[in-house]
Amino acid sequence: NTSYLLIRDTWGGGGWNLLGNPFTSAMNASIFISTNAPSLDASYQAVYIYDGSVFRYIASDLPGYEGDGSFPSSSVQAGQGFFVLANFDSVQFSFTSEMQTHNTTVPMTKSAATSNAWPGIKLILNYGDKVTSTLVAFNEKMTSGLDPGYDVGSFSTGADATVYTSLVLGDNGVNFARQVLPLADYDRNIIPVGIDSENGGEVTFSAFTIPIENNKFWLEDRLTGTLTDLGTGTYTASLPAKTYGTGRFFLKVSNAITGISDQSEEPAAGVRVWSSKNRVIIKGTVGTKAVCEIYDMQGRKILEAGLPDGALNTVTMPAGSNGVYLVRIVDGSKTQTQKVVFL
């Protein structure tokens, strides 16, 4: 299939892969991740464990946030299954004796000393009786782009409302459960906050913060023009039905602030494509004749749909569509291809 070969990109081995701890002891997940880093998708250098309602991740520790928004241990118990997203088809994952550790319980890890903690914010979103969160932290060794092993992509179960951030520099179409940024020029980074909620409704933002010196973490709602200091208060907003992606809410660090609306709402070029529940979300300006083509990993076209809305389009996948797919946006002479994953 020539057209399939032309749009081919890297993808995971058939989607999310279910592995398990093969040892009779607990397994150190951090060593597993570092050993198998080349086999893992760069945006998902983590293992993901389902706790009965949401997926929690184990990744490299961030001082001051151990266990926050993630699985409350760096160990995977004997017999425990976990998901990984492979970097390519047919990659191999290794299990070595160095990964074995004695851990008969799943303890809550202790927070780092304040002097060692990375400054940052755990942004918490309450939707009815459900809670979801995303983490942004700062360190002098990090960048504004993708930092594999530190920036951790979100593995969504299609909750009623999901909060995440997208990369400040070079948005790669991944929704991040954790994003790290440089300390240098921290006040110049404007962080897009995304929310996916099919039904909409009232949500409340709150936060756990570790400040950068005397600076504050501000949430801006560009729809209402409201700025909230999340270190001292909360913010409640009403979401319309079919709320998807970034463009309304942003985070910024500053001592005093009067407005942060100097950043464009979308990437400078192209559109943003991601998955939510059984839908492909396509956000960004397209022409009236633009179409969406979706291919499976064998190069077969699953469906083709027009994109009648110029700013936000959703395409419903066929029932039972699990795994990795390639979404190709054709808008006149312009094309854009994005990998999406469905659980």
C-alpha atoms as a PDB file:
ATOM      1  CA  ASN A   1       0.000   0.000   0.000  1.00  0.00           C
ATOM      2  CA  THR A   2       1.980   2.987  -1.293  1.00  0.00           C
ATOM      3  CA  SER A   3      -0.059   5.636   0.490  1.00  0.00           C
ATOM      4  CA  TYR A   4       0.369   3.749   3.754  1.00  0.00           C
ATOM      5  CA  LEU A   5       4.151   3.591   3.335  1.00  0.00           C
ATOM      6  CA  LEU A   6       4.267   7.327   2.638  1.00  0.00           C
ATOM      7  CA  ILE A   7       2.483   8.189   5.877  1.00  0.00           C
ATOM      8  CA  ARG A   8       4.277   5.570   7.980  1.00  0.00           C
ATOM      9  CA  ASP A   9       5.579   6.818  11.320  1.00  0.00           C
ATOM     10  CA  THR A  10       6.901   5.131  14.441  1.00  0.00           C
ATOM     11  CA  TRP A  11       4.312   3.329  16.484  1.00  0.00           C
ATOM     12  CA  GLY A  12       3.921   0.954  19.379  1.00  0.00           C
ATOM     13  CA  GLY A  13       3.832  -2.810  18.857  1.00  0.00           C
ATOM     14  CA  GLY A  14       0.108  -3.180  18.180  1.00  0.00           C
ATOM     15  CA  GLY A  15      -0.848  -0.585  20.774  1.00  0.00           C
ATOM     16  CA  TRP A  16      -0.453  -0.770  24.525  1.00  0.00           C
ATOM     17  CA  ASN A  17       1.338  -3.987  25.454  1.00  0.00           C
ATOM     18  CA  LEU A  18       0.422  -5.875  28.622  1.00  0.00           C
ATOM     19  CA  LEU A  19       3.454  -7.257  30.438  1.00  0.00           C
ATOM     20  CA  GLY A  20       3.862  -8.593  33.959  1.00  0.00           C
ATOM     21  CA  ASN A  21       6.413  -9.029  36.714  1.00  0.00           C
ATOM     22  CA  PRO A  22       7.846 -12.522  35.985  1.00  0.00           C
ATOM     23  CA  PHE A  23       9.735 -12.791  39.285  1.00  0.00           C
ATOM     24  CA  THR A  24       8.595 -14.410  42.525  1.00  0.00           C
ATOM     25  CA  SER A  25       9.736 -11.184  44.228  1.00  0.00           C
ATOM     26  CA  ALA A  26       8.760  -7.574  43.661  1.00  0.00           C
ATOM     27  CA  MET A  27      10.352  -5.784  40.689  1.00  0.00           C
ATOM     28  CA  ASN A  28      11.976  -2.350  40.710  1.00  0.00           C
ATOM     29  CA  ALA A  29      10.045  -0.534  37.970  1.00  0.00           C
ATOM     30  CA  SER A  30      12.595   2.288  37.700  1.00  0.00           C
ATOM     31  CA  ILE A  31      15.339  -0.182  36.753  1.00  0.00           C
ATOM     32  CA  PHE A  32      12.967  -1.862  34.288  1.00  0.00           C
ATOM     33  CA  ILE A  33      12.278   1.502  32.635  1.00  0.00           C
ATOM     34  CA  SER A  34      15.943   2.573  32.417  1.00  0.00           C
ATOM     35  CA  THR A  35      16.967  -0.854  31.071  1.00  0.00           C
ATOM     36  CA  ASN A  36      14.245  -0.832  28.419  1.00  0.00           C
ATOM     37  CA  ALA A  37      14.237   2.902  27.595  1.00  0.00           C
ATOM     38  CA  PRO A  38      15.120   2.368  23.877  1.00  0.00           C
ATOM     39  CA  SER A  39      12.115   0.044  23.518  1.00  0.00           C
ATOM     40  CA  LEU A  40       9.656   2.525  25.036  1.00  0.00           C
ATOM     41  CA  ASP A  41       7.924   5.380  23.227  1.00  0.00           C
ATOM     42  CA  ALA A  42       9.815   8.568  24.101  1.00  0.00           C
ATOM     43  CA  SER A  43       6.653  10.246  25.431  1.00  0.00           C
ATOM     44  CA  TYR A  44       5.707   7.239  27.569  1.00  0.00           C
ATOM     45  CA  GLN A  45       8.857   6.223  29.454  1.00  0.00           C
ATOM     46  CA  ALA A  46       6.834   4.669  32.245  1.00  0.00           C
ATOM     47  CA  VAL A  47       4.824   1.617  33.272  1.00  0.00           C
ATOM     48  CA  TYR A  48       1.078   1.978  33.805  1.00  0.00           C
ATOM     49  CA  ILE A  49      -0.993   0.043  36.348  1.00  0.00           C
ATOM     50  CA  TYR A  50      -4.799   0.047  36.457  1.00  0.00           C
ATOM     51  CA  ASP A  51      -6.123   0.574  39.998  1.00  0.00           C
ATOM     52  CA  GLY A  52      -9.752  -0.257  39.197  1.00  0.00           C
ATOM     53  CA  SER A  53     -10.771   3.194  38.014  1.00  0.00           C
ATOM     54  CA  VAL A  54      -7.760   4.961  36.422  1.00  0.00           C
ATOM     55  CA  PHE A  55      -4.278   4.141  35.158  1.00  0.00           C
ATOM     56  CA  ARG A  56      -1.449   5.248  37.427  1.00  0.00           C
ATOM     57  CA  TYR A  57       2.133   5.462  36.242  1.00  0.00           C
ATOM     58  CA  ILE A  58       5.565   4.674  37.640  1.00  0.00           C
ATOM     59  CA  ALA A  59       8.329   6.770  36.112  1.00  0.00           C
ATOM     60  CA  SER A  60      11.551   8.410  37.237  1.00  0.00           C
ATOM     61  CA  ASP A  61      11.048  10.064  40.618  1.00  0.00           C
ATOM     62  CA  LEU A  62      10.703  13.824  40.875  1.00  0.00           C
ATOM     63  CA  PRO A  63      11.939  15.022  44.288  1.00  0.00           C
ATOM     64  CA  GLY A  64       9.005  16.352  46.255  1.00  0.00           C
ATOM     65  CA  TYR A  65       6.306  14.553  44.240  1.00  0.00           C
ATOM     66  CA  GLU A  66       6.900  10.840  44.845  1.00  0.00           C
ATOM     67  CA  GLY A  67       3.524   9.138  44.533  1.00  0.00           C
ATOM     68  CA  ASP A  68       1.633  12.309  43.602  1.00  0.00           C
ATOM     69  CA  GLY A  69      -0.685  11.531  40.687  1.00  0.00           C
ATOM     70  CA  SER A  70       1.100   8.225  40.101  1.00  0.00           C
ATOM     71  CA  PHE A  71       1.331   4.713  41.490  1.00  0.00           C
ATOM     72  CA  PRO A  72       2.322   4.995  45.172  1.00  0.00           C
ATOM     73  CA  SER A  73       5.416   2.800  44.908  1.00  0.00           C
ATOM     74  CA  SER A  74       8.453   2.327  42.675  1.00  0.00           C
ATOM     75  CA  SER A  75       7.974  -1.454  42.868  1.00  0.00           C
ATOM     76  CA  VAL A  76       5.700  -3.811  40.935  1.00  0.00           C
ATOM     77  CA  GLN A  77       4.556  -6.773  42.994  1.00  0.00           C
ATOM     78  CA  ALA A  78       5.045 -10.411  41.986  1.00  0.00           C
ATOM     79  CA  GLY A  79       2.441 -11.368  39.380  1.00  0.00           C
ATOM     80  CA  GLN A  80       1.336  -7.754  38.833  1.00  0.00           C
ATOM     81  CA  GLY A  81       0.468  -6.893  35.252  1.00  0.00           C
ATOM     82  CA  PHE A  82       1.321  -3.518  33.731  1.00  0.00           C
ATOM     83  CA  PHE A  83       1.066  -1.736  30.384  1.00  0.00           C
ATOM     84  CA  VAL A  84       3.868  -0.222  28.299  1.00  0.00           C
ATOM     85  CA  LEU A  85       3.810   1.594  24.962  1.00  0.00           C
ATOM     86  CA  ALA A  86       6.460   0.145  22.648  1.00  0.00           C
ATOM     87  CA  ASN A  87       8.529   2.451  20.459  1.00  0.00           C
ATOM     88  CA  PHE A  88       8.348   0.190  17.387  1.00  0.00           C
ATOM     89  CA  ASP A  89       6.838  -3.087  16.289  1.00  0.00           C
ATOM     90  CA  SER A  90       8.761  -6.190  17.386  1.00  0.00           C
ATOM     91  CA  VAL A  91      10.936  -4.471  20.005  1.00  0.00           C
ATOM     92  CA  GLN A  92      12.030  -6.651  22.912  1.00  0.00           C
ATOM     93  CA  PHE A  93      11.733  -5.984  26.637  1.00  0.00           C
ATOM     94  CA  SER A  94      14.309  -7.392  29.041  1.00  0.00           C
ATOM     95  CA  PHE A  95      13.882  -8.599  32.613  1.00  0.00           C
ATOM     96  CA  THR A  96      17.133  -8.922  34.585  1.00  0.00           C
ATOM     97  CA  SER A  97      17.982 -10.097  38.070  1.00  0.00           C
ATOM     98  CA  GLU A  98      19.007  -6.546  39.023  1.00  0.00           C
ATOM     99  CA  MET A  99      15.323  -5.609  38.863  1.00  0.00           C
ATOM    100  CA  GLN A 100      14.395  -7.945  41.720  1.00  0.00           C
ATOM    101  CA  THR A 101      13.763  -6.318  45.085  1.00  0.00           C
ATOM    102  CA  HIS A 102      12.368  -7.381  48.453  1.00  0.00           C
ATOM    103  CA  ASN A 103       9.068  -5.589  48.987  1.00  0.00           C
ATOM    104  CA  THR A 104       6.172  -7.513  50.531  1.00  0.00           C
ATOM    105  CA  THR A 105       3.906  -4.481  50.710  1.00  0.00           C
ATOM    106  CA  VAL A 106       3.213  -1.415  48.552  1.00  0.00           C
ATOM    107  CA  PRO A 107       4.386   1.440  50.798  1.00  0.00           C
ATOM    108  CA  MET A 108       3.689   5.114  50.247  1.00  0.00           C
ATOM    109  CA  THR A 109       7.010   6.750  49.387  1.00  0.00           C
ATOM    110  CA  LYS A 110       8.264   9.611  51.505  1.00  0.00           C
ATOM    111  CA  SER A 111       8.510  13.160  50.206  1.00  0.00           C
ATOM    112  CA  ALA A 112      11.956  14.583  49.629  1.00  0.00           C
ATOM    113  CA  ALA A 113      13.371  17.225  51.910  1.00  0.00           C
ATOM    114  CA  THR A 114      12.196  20.704  50.993  1.00  0.00           C
ATOM    115  CA  SER A 115      15.701  21.728  49.951  1.00  0.00           C
ATOM    116  CA  ASN A 116      15.832  18.882  47.379  1.00  0.00           C
ATOM    117  CA  ALA A 117      12.284  19.139  46.078  1.00  0.00           C
ATOM    118  CA  TRP A 118      11.716  20.349  42.537  1.00  0.00           C
ATOM    119  CA  PRO A 119       9.434  23.402  42.463  1.00  0.00           C
ATOM    120  CA  GLY A 120       6.192  22.870  40.613  1.00  0.00           C
ATOM    121  CA  ILE A 121       2.458  22.375  40.745  1.00  0.00           C
ATOM    122  CA  LYS A 122       0.124  19.417  40.923  1.00  0.00           C
ATOM    123  CA  LEU A 123      -3.018  20.774  39.257  1.00  0.00           C
ATOM    124  CA  ILE A 124      -6.102  18.990  40.600  1.00  0.00           C
ATOM    125  CA  LEU A 125      -9.456  18.917  38.811  1.00  0.00           C
ATOM    126  CA  ASN A 126     -12.642  17.970  40.677  1.00  0.00           C
ATOM    127  CA  TYR A 127     -15.586  16.878  38.510  1.00  0.00           C
ATOM    128  CA  GLY A 128     -18.492  15.832  40.717  1.00  0.00           C
ATOM    129  CA  ASP A 129     -17.065  13.156  42.988  1.00  0.00           C
ATOM    130  CA  LYS A 130     -14.230  12.325  40.545  1.00  0.00           C
ATOM    131  CA  VAL A 131     -10.700  13.697  40.831  1.00  0.00           C
ATOM    132  CA  THR A 132      -8.010  13.875  38.151  1.00  0.00           C
ATOM    133  CA  SER A 133      -4.693  15.713  38.126  1.00  0.00           C
ATOM    134  CA  THR A 134      -1.634  16.690  36.114  1.00  0.00           C
ATOM    135  CA  LEU A 135       1.843  17.634  37.320  1.00  0.00           C
ATOM    136  CA  VAL A 136       4.261  20.354  36.117  1.00  0.00           C
ATOM    137  CA  ALA A 137       7.706  20.633  37.732  1.00  0.00           C
ATOM    138  CA  PHE A 138      10.862  22.699  37.135  1.00  0.00           C
ATOM    139  CA  ASN A 139      14.572  21.791  37.177  1.00  0.00           C
ATOM    140  CA  GLU A 140      17.693  23.351  35.693  1.00  0.00           C
ATOM    141  CA  LYS A 141      18.513  20.173  33.719  1.00  0.00           C
ATOM    142  CA  MET A 142      15.168  20.001  31.908  1.00  0.00           C
ATOM    143  CA  THR A 143      14.015  21.600  28.634  1.00  0.00           C
ATOM    144  CA  SER A 144      10.799  23.138  27.278  1.00  0.00           C
ATOM    145  CA  GLY A 145      10.547  20.289  24.750  1.00  0.00           C
ATOM    146  CA  LEU A 146      10.268  16.541  25.298  1.00  0.00           C
ATOM    147  CA  ASP A 147      12.406  15.149  28.141  1.00  0.00           C
ATOM    148  CA  PRO A 148      12.032  11.348  27.807  1.00  0.00           C
ATOM    149  CA  GLY A 149      11.618   9.653  31.156  1.00  0.00           C
ATOM    150  CA  TYR A 150      10.512  12.880  32.834  1.00  0.00           C
ATOM    151  CA  ASP A 151       7.666  14.042  30.579  1.00  0.00           C
ATOM    152  CA  VAL A 152       5.086  11.275  30.980  1.00  0.00           C
ATOM    153  CA  GLY A 153       2.153  10.855  28.599  1.00  0.00           C
ATOM    154  CA  SER A 154      -1.328  10.336  29.997  1.00  0.00           C
ATOM    155  CA  PHE A 155      -2.965   6.898  29.663  1.00  0.00           C
ATOM    156  CA  SER A 156      -6.664   7.782  29.778  1.00  0.00           C
ATOM    157  CA  THR A 157      -9.493   5.382  30.547  1.00  0.00           C
ATOM    158  CA  GLY A 158     -12.067   7.771  29.091  1.00  0.00           C
ATOM    159  CA  ALA A 159     -13.062   9.343  32.394  1.00  0.00           C
ATOM    160  CA  ASP A 160     -15.895  11.889  32.538  1.00  0.00           C
ATOM    161  CA  ALA A 161     -13.256  14.642  32.699  1.00  0.00           C
ATOM    162  CA  THR A 162      -9.499  14.408  32.160  1.00  0.00           C
ATOM    163  CA  VAL A 163      -6.925  17.167  32.712  1.00  0.00           C
ATOM    164  CA  TYR A 164      -3.449  17.283  31.167  1.00  0.00           C
ATOM    165  CA  THR A 165      -0.886  19.643  29.658  1.00  0.00           C
ATOM    166  CA  SER A 166       0.739  19.790  26.216  1.00  0.00           C
ATOM    167  CA  LEU A 167       4.391  20.541  25.569  1.00  0.00           C
ATOM    168  CA  VAL A 168       5.326  24.206  25.831  1.00  0.00           C
ATOM    169  CA  LEU A 169       7.807  23.850  22.963  1.00  0.00           C
ATOM    170  CA  GLY A 170       7.107  21.646  19.962  1.00  0.00           C
ATOM    171  CA  ASP A 171       3.707  20.165  20.809  1.00  0.00           C
ATOM    172  CA  ASN A 172       3.950  16.514  19.693  1.00  0.00           C
ATOM    173  CA  GLY A 173       0.235  15.731  19.992  1.00  0.00           C
ATOM    174  CA  VAL A 174       0.639  13.862  23.293  1.00  0.00           C
ATOM    175  CA  ASN A 175      -1.411  14.739  26.374  1.00  0.00           C
ATOM    176  CA  PHE A 176       0.938  14.722  29.369  1.00  0.00           C
ATOM    177  CA  ALA A 177       0.164  13.567  32.893  1.00  0.00           C
ATOM    178  CA  ARG A 178       3.535  15.024  33.920  1.00  0.00           C
ATOM    179  CA  GLN A 179       5.634  17.728  32.260  1.00  0.00           C
ATOM    180  CA  VAL A 180       9.003  19.090  33.385  1.00  0.00           C
ATOM    181  CA  LEU A 181      10.368  22.493  32.373  1.00  0.00           C
ATOM    182  CA  PRO A 182      13.646  24.409  32.821  1.00  0.00           C
ATOM    183  CA  LEU A 183      14.175  26.732  35.778  1.00  0.00           C
ATOM    184  CA  ALA A 184      15.889  29.259  33.526  1.00  0.00           C
ATOM    185  CA  ASP A 185      13.345  31.816  32.289  1.00  0.00           C
ATOM    186  CA  TYR A 186      10.578  29.904  34.087  1.00  0.00           C
ATOM    187  CA  ASP A 187       8.387  33.014  33.963  1.00  0.00           C
ATOM    188  CA  ARG A 188       8.431  33.022  30.157  1.00  0.00           C
ATOM    189  CA  ASN A 189       6.823  29.592  29.790  1.00  0.00           C
ATOM    190  CA  ILE A 190       3.053  29.594  29.308  1.00  0.00           C
ATOM    191  CA  ILE A 191       1.726  26.068  29.832  1.00  0.00           C
ATOM    192  CA  PRO A 192      -1.391  24.960  27.904  1.00  0.00           C
ATOM    193  CA  VAL A 193      -3.835  23.037  30.092  1.00  0.00           C
ATOM    194  CA  GLY A 194      -6.227  20.695  28.317  1.00  0.00           C
ATOM    195  CA  ILE A 195      -9.509  19.177  29.464  1.00  0.00           C
ATOM    196  CA  ASP A 196     -11.502  16.431  27.744  1.00  0.00           C
ATOM    197  CA  SER A 197     -15.145  16.186  28.811  1.00  0.00           C
ATOM    198  CA  GLU A 198     -17.845  14.868  26.519  1.00  0.00           C
ATOM    199  CA  ASN A 199     -20.768  15.951  28.721  1.00  0.00           C
ATOM    200  CA  GLY A 200     -19.307  19.159  30.174  1.00  0.00           C
ATOM    201  CA  GLY A 201     -20.455  20.593  33.484  1.00  0.00           C
ATOM    202  CA  GLU A 202     -18.909  22.301  36.499  1.00  0.00           C
ATOM    203  CA  VAL A 203     -15.258  21.654  37.390  1.00  0.00           C
ATOM    204  CA  THR A 204     -13.120  23.047  40.202  1.00  0.00           C
ATOM    205  CA  PHE A 205      -9.363  23.583  40.007  1.00  0.00           C
ATOM    206  CA  SER A 206      -7.142  23.388  43.086  1.00  0.00           C
ATOM    207  CA  ALA A 207      -3.432  22.696  43.519  1.00  0.00           C
ATOM    208  CA  PHE A 208      -0.544  21.430  45.598  1.00  0.00           C
ATOM    209  CA  THR A 209       2.434  23.711  44.950  1.00  0.00           C
ATOM    210  CA  ILE A 210       6.133  23.959  45.737  1.00  0.00           C
ATOM    211  CA  PRO A 211       6.921  27.604  44.883  1.00  0.00           C
ATOM    212  CA  ILE A 212       9.860  28.974  42.921  1.00  0.00           C
ATOM    213  CA  GLU A 213      11.201  31.517  45.417  1.00  0.00           C
ATOM    214  CA  ASN A 214       8.333  33.978  46.097  1.00  0.00           C
ATOM    215  CA  ASN A 215       6.510  33.380  42.821  1.00  0.00           C
ATOM    216  CA  LYS A 216       2.929  32.242  42.411  1.00  0.00           C
ATOM    217  CA  PHE A 217       1.240  29.728  40.117  1.00  0.00           C
ATOM    218  CA  TRP A 218      -1.510  31.400  38.138  1.00  0.00           C
ATOM    219  CA  LEU A 219      -4.366  29.775  36.239  1.00  0.00           C
ATOM    220  CA  GLU A 220      -5.881  31.835  33.455  1.00  0.00           C
ATOM    221  CA  ASP A 221      -9.340  31.180  32.042  1.00  0.00           C
ATOM    222  CA  ARG A 222      -9.262  33.030  28.725  1.00  0.00           C
ATOM    223  CA  LEU A 223     -12.981  32.596  28.188  1.00  0.00           C
ATOM    224  CA  THR A 224     -13.878  34.595  31.298  1.00  0.00           C
ATOM    225  CA  GLY A 225     -10.656  36.601  31.601  1.00  0.00           C
ATOM    226  CA  THR A 226     -10.144  35.295  35.146  1.00  0.00           C
ATOM    227  CA  LEU A 227      -6.752  34.868  36.840  1.00  0.00           C
ATOM    228  CA  THR A 228      -6.472  32.706  39.965  1.00  0.00           C
ATOM    229  CA  ASP A 229      -3.550  32.280  42.374  1.00  0.00           C
ATOM    230  CA  LEU A 230      -3.692  28.517  42.896  1.00  0.00           C
ATOM    231  CA  GLY A 231      -1.414  28.705  45.906  1.00  0.00           C
ATOM    232  CA  THR A 232      -4.148  30.397  47.935  1.00  0.00           C
ATOM    233  CA  GLY A 233      -7.430  29.701  46.179  1.00  0.00           C
ATOM    234  CA  THR A 234      -9.509  27.493  43.914  1.00  0.00           C
ATOM    235  CA  TYR A 235     -11.311  28.234  40.662  1.00  0.00           C
ATOM    236  CA  THR A 236     -14.644  26.866  39.441  1.00  0.00           C
ATOM    237  CA  ALA A 237     -15.580  26.909  35.761  1.00  0.00           C
ATOM    238  CA  SER A 238     -18.469  25.656  33.657  1.00  0.00           C
ATOM    239  CA  LEU A 239     -17.531  23.512  30.653  1.00  0.00           C
ATOM    240  CA  PRO A 240     -19.796  23.197  27.633  1.00  0.00           C
ATOM    241  CA  ALA A 241     -20.539  19.729  26.288  1.00  0.00           C
ATOM    242  CA  LYS A 242     -17.905  18.324  23.935  1.00  0.00           C
ATOM    243  CA  THR A 243     -15.010  20.177  25.560  1.00  0.00           C
ATOM    244  CA  TYR A 244     -11.731  18.894  24.170  1.00  0.00           C
ATOM    245  CA  GLY A 245      -8.125  20.038  24.217  1.00  0.00           C
ATOM    246  CA  THR A 246      -6.257  23.205  25.072  1.00  0.00           C
ATOM    247  CA  GLY A 247      -6.937  26.862  24.293  1.00  0.00           C
ATOM    248  CA  ARG A 248      -9.000  28.000  27.270  1.00  0.00           C
ATOM    249  CA  PHE A 249      -6.862  27.336  30.367  1.00  0.00           C
ATOM    250  CA  PHE A 250      -3.173  28.180  30.870  1.00  0.00           C
ATOM    251  CA  LEU A 251      -0.639  28.070  33.715  1.00  0.00           C
ATOM    252  CA  LYS A 252       2.141  30.580  34.358  1.00  0.00           C
ATOM    253  CA  VAL A 253       4.631  31.248  37.158  1.00  0.00           C
ATOM    254  CA  SER A 254       5.129  34.855  38.203  1.00  0.00           C
ATOM    255  CA  ASN A 255       5.372  37.057  41.295  1.00  0.00           C
ATOM    256  CA  ALA A 256       2.705  39.469  40.056  1.00  0.00           C
ATOM    257  CA  ILE A 257       0.546  39.122  36.984  1.00  0.00           C
ATOM    258  CA  THR A 258      -1.938  41.151  34.994  1.00  0.00           C
ATOM    259  CA  GLY A 259      -2.492  38.841  32.032  1.00  0.00           C
ATOM    260  CA  ILE A 260      -0.858  35.985  30.167  1.00  0.00           C
ATOM    261  CA  SER A 261      -2.786  35.973  26.909  1.00  0.00           C
ATOM    262  CA  ASP A 262       0.280  36.588  24.763  1.00  0.00           C
ATOM    263  CA  GLN A 263       0.594  32.960  23.650  1.00  0.00           C
ATOM    264  CA  SER A 264      -1.202  31.487  20.647  1.00  0.00           C
ATOM    265  CA  GLU A 265      -3.846  28.934  21.524  1.00  0.00           C
ATOM    266  CA  GLU A 266      -2.756  26.342  18.978  1.00  0.00           C
ATOM    267  CA  PRO A 267       0.579  25.152  17.560  1.00  0.00           C
ATOM    268  CA  ALA A 268       1.976  27.472  14.918  1.00  0.00           C
ATOM    269  CA  ALA A 269       1.403  24.917  12.147  1.00  0.00           C
ATOM    270  CA  GLY A 270      -1.047  22.094  11.518  1.00  0.00           C
ATOM    271  CA  VAL A 271      -3.764  20.727  13.757  1.00  0.00           C
ATOM    272  CA  ARG A 272      -3.694  18.741  16.980  1.00  0.00           C
ATOM    273  CA  VAL A 273      -4.950  15.149  16.896  1.00  0.00           C
ATOM    274  CA  TRP A 274      -5.539  12.810  19.845  1.00  0.00           C
ATOM    275  CA  SER A 275      -7.903  10.114  21.127  1.00  0.00           C
ATOM    276  CA  SER A 276     -10.565  10.328  23.832  1.00  0.00           C
ATOM    277  CA  LYS A 277     -12.726   7.301  24.665  1.00  0.00           C
ATOM    278  CA  ASN A 278     -13.761   5.956  21.233  1.00  0.00           C
ATOM    279  CA  ARG A 279     -13.267   9.237  19.389  1.00  0.00           C
ATOM    280  CA  VAL A 280     -10.523  10.882  17.388  1.00  0.00           C
ATOM    281  CA  ILE A 281     -10.364  14.573  18.278  1.00  0.00           C
ATOM    282  CA  ILE A 282      -9.111  16.974  15.602  1.00  0.00           C
ATOM    283  CA  LYS A 283      -8.594  20.526  16.799  1.00  0.00           C
ATOM    284  CA  GLY A 284      -7.367  23.336  14.574  1.00  0.00           C
ATOM    285  CA  THR A 285      -8.451  25.251  11.495  1.00  0.00           C
ATOM    286  CA  VAL A 286      -9.118  23.143   8.393  1.00  0.00           C
ATOM    287  CA  GLY A 287     -10.822  23.855   5.086  1.00  0.00           C
ATOM    288  CA  THR A 288     -14.416  22.915   4.310  1.00  0.00           C
ATOM    289  CA  LYS A 289     -13.258  20.047   2.054  1.00  0.00           C
ATOM    290  CA  ALA A 290     -10.771  18.564   4.522  1.00  0.00           C
ATOM    291  CA  VAL A 291     -11.092  14.846   5.265  1.00  0.00           C
ATOM    292  CA  CYS A 292      -9.816  12.477   7.939  1.00  0.00           C
ATOM    293  CA  GLU A 293      -8.472   9.053   6.884  1.00  0.00           C
ATOM    294  CA  ILE A 294      -7.784   6.408   9.541  1.00  0.00           C
ATOM    295  CA  TYR A 295      -5.530   3.398   8.889  1.00  0.00           C
ATOM    296  CA  ASP A 296      -4.725   0.359  10.983  1.00  0.00           C
ATOM    297  CA  MET A 297      -1.191  -1.000  11.331  1.00  0.00           C
ATOM    298  CA  GLN A 298      -1.641  -3.273   8.304  1.00  0.00           C
ATOM    299  CA  GLY A 299      -2.232  -0.227   6.117  1.00  0.00           C
ATOM    300  CA  ARG A 300      -5.969  -0.843   5.725  1.00  0.00           C
ATOM    301  CA  LYS A 301      -8.188   2.210   5.652  1.00  0.00           C
ATOM    302  CA  ILE A 302     -10.652   1.850   8.532  1.00  0.00           C
ATOM    303  CA  LEU A 303     -12.779   4.855   7.699  1.00  0.00           C
ATOM    304  CA  GLU A 304     -12.817   8.231   5.999  1.00  0.00           C
ATOM    305  CA  ALA A 305     -14.832  11.194   7.234  1.00  0.00           C
ATOM    306  CA  GLY A 306     -15.288  14.814   6.280  1.00  0.00           C
ATOM    307  CA  LEU A 307     -14.337  17.578   8.713  1.00  0.00           C
ATOM    308  CA  PRO A 308     -17.226  20.038   8.459  1.00  0.00           C
ATOM    309  CA  ASP A 309     -16.315  22.152  11.498  1.00  0.00           C
ATOM    310  CA  GLY A 310     -13.478  24.563  10.831  1.00  0.00           C
ATOM    311  CA  ALA A 311     -12.076  24.470  14.378  1.00  0.00           C
ATOM    312  CA  LEU A 312     -13.027  21.244  16.232  1.00  0.00           C
ATOM    313  CA  ASN A 313     -14.036  17.912  14.733  1.00  0.00           C
ATOM    314  CA  THR A 314     -14.654  14.508  16.308  1.00  0.00           C
ATOM    315  CA  VAL A 315     -14.674  11.177  14.475  1.00  0.00           C
ATOM    316  CA  THR A 316     -16.182   8.110  16.176  1.00  0.00           C
ATOM    317  CA  MET A 317     -14.224   4.887  15.740  1.00  0.00           C
ATOM    318  CA  PRO A 318     -15.934   1.552  14.979  1.00  0.00           C
ATOM    319  CA  ALA A 319     -16.808  -0.560  18.015  1.00  0.00           C
ATOM    320  CA  GLY A 320     -13.914  -2.653  19.305  1.00  0.00           C
ATOM    321  CA  SER A 321     -11.204  -0.406  17.846  1.00  0.00           C
ATOM    322  CA  ASN A 322      -8.278  -1.094  20.168  1.00  0.00           C
ATOM    323  CA  GLY A 323      -4.593  -0.558  19.442  1.00  0.00           C
ATOM    324  CA  VAL A 324      -2.584   1.945  17.401  1.00  0.00           C
ATOM    325  CA  TYR A 325      -3.971   3.744  14.361  1.00  0.00           C
ATOM    326  CA  LEU A 326      -2.652   6.365  11.964  1.00  0.00           C
ATOM    327  CA  VAL A 327      -4.852   9.412  11.408  1.00  0.00           C
ATOM    328  CA  ARG A 328      -4.185  11.295   8.184  1.00  0.00           C
ATOM    329  CA  ILE A 329      -5.655  14.777   7.712  1.00  0.00           C
ATOM    330  CA  VAL A 330      -5.923  15.810   4.059  1.00  0.00           C
ATOM    331  CA  ASP A 331      -6.688  19.484   3.526  1.00  0.00           C
ATOM    332  CA  GLY A 332      -6.170  20.353  -0.126  1.00  0.00           C
ATOM    333  CA  SER A 333      -2.447  20.022  -0.866  1.00  0.00           C
ATOM    334  CA  LYS A 334      -1.584  19.799   2.846  1.00  0.00           C
ATOM    335  CA  THR A 335      -1.431  16.531   4.761  1.00  0.00           C
ATOM    336  CA  GLN A 336      -0.668  15.709   8.373  1.00  0.00           C
ATOM    337  CA  THR A 337      -0.297  12.283   9.972  1.00  0.00           C
ATOM    338  CA  GLN A 338      -0.602  11.483  13.676  1.00  0.00           C
ATOM    339  CA  LYS A 339      -0.416   8.241  15.661  1.00  0.00           C
ATOM    340  CA  VAL A 340      -3.292   7.666  18.106  1.00  0.00           C
ATOM    341  CA  VAL A 341      -3.792   4.872  20.610  1.00  0.00           C
ATOM    342  CA  PHE A 342      -7.058   3.319  21.815  1.00  0.00           C
ATOM    343  CA  LEU A 343      -7.324   1.021  24.829  1.00  0.00           C
END
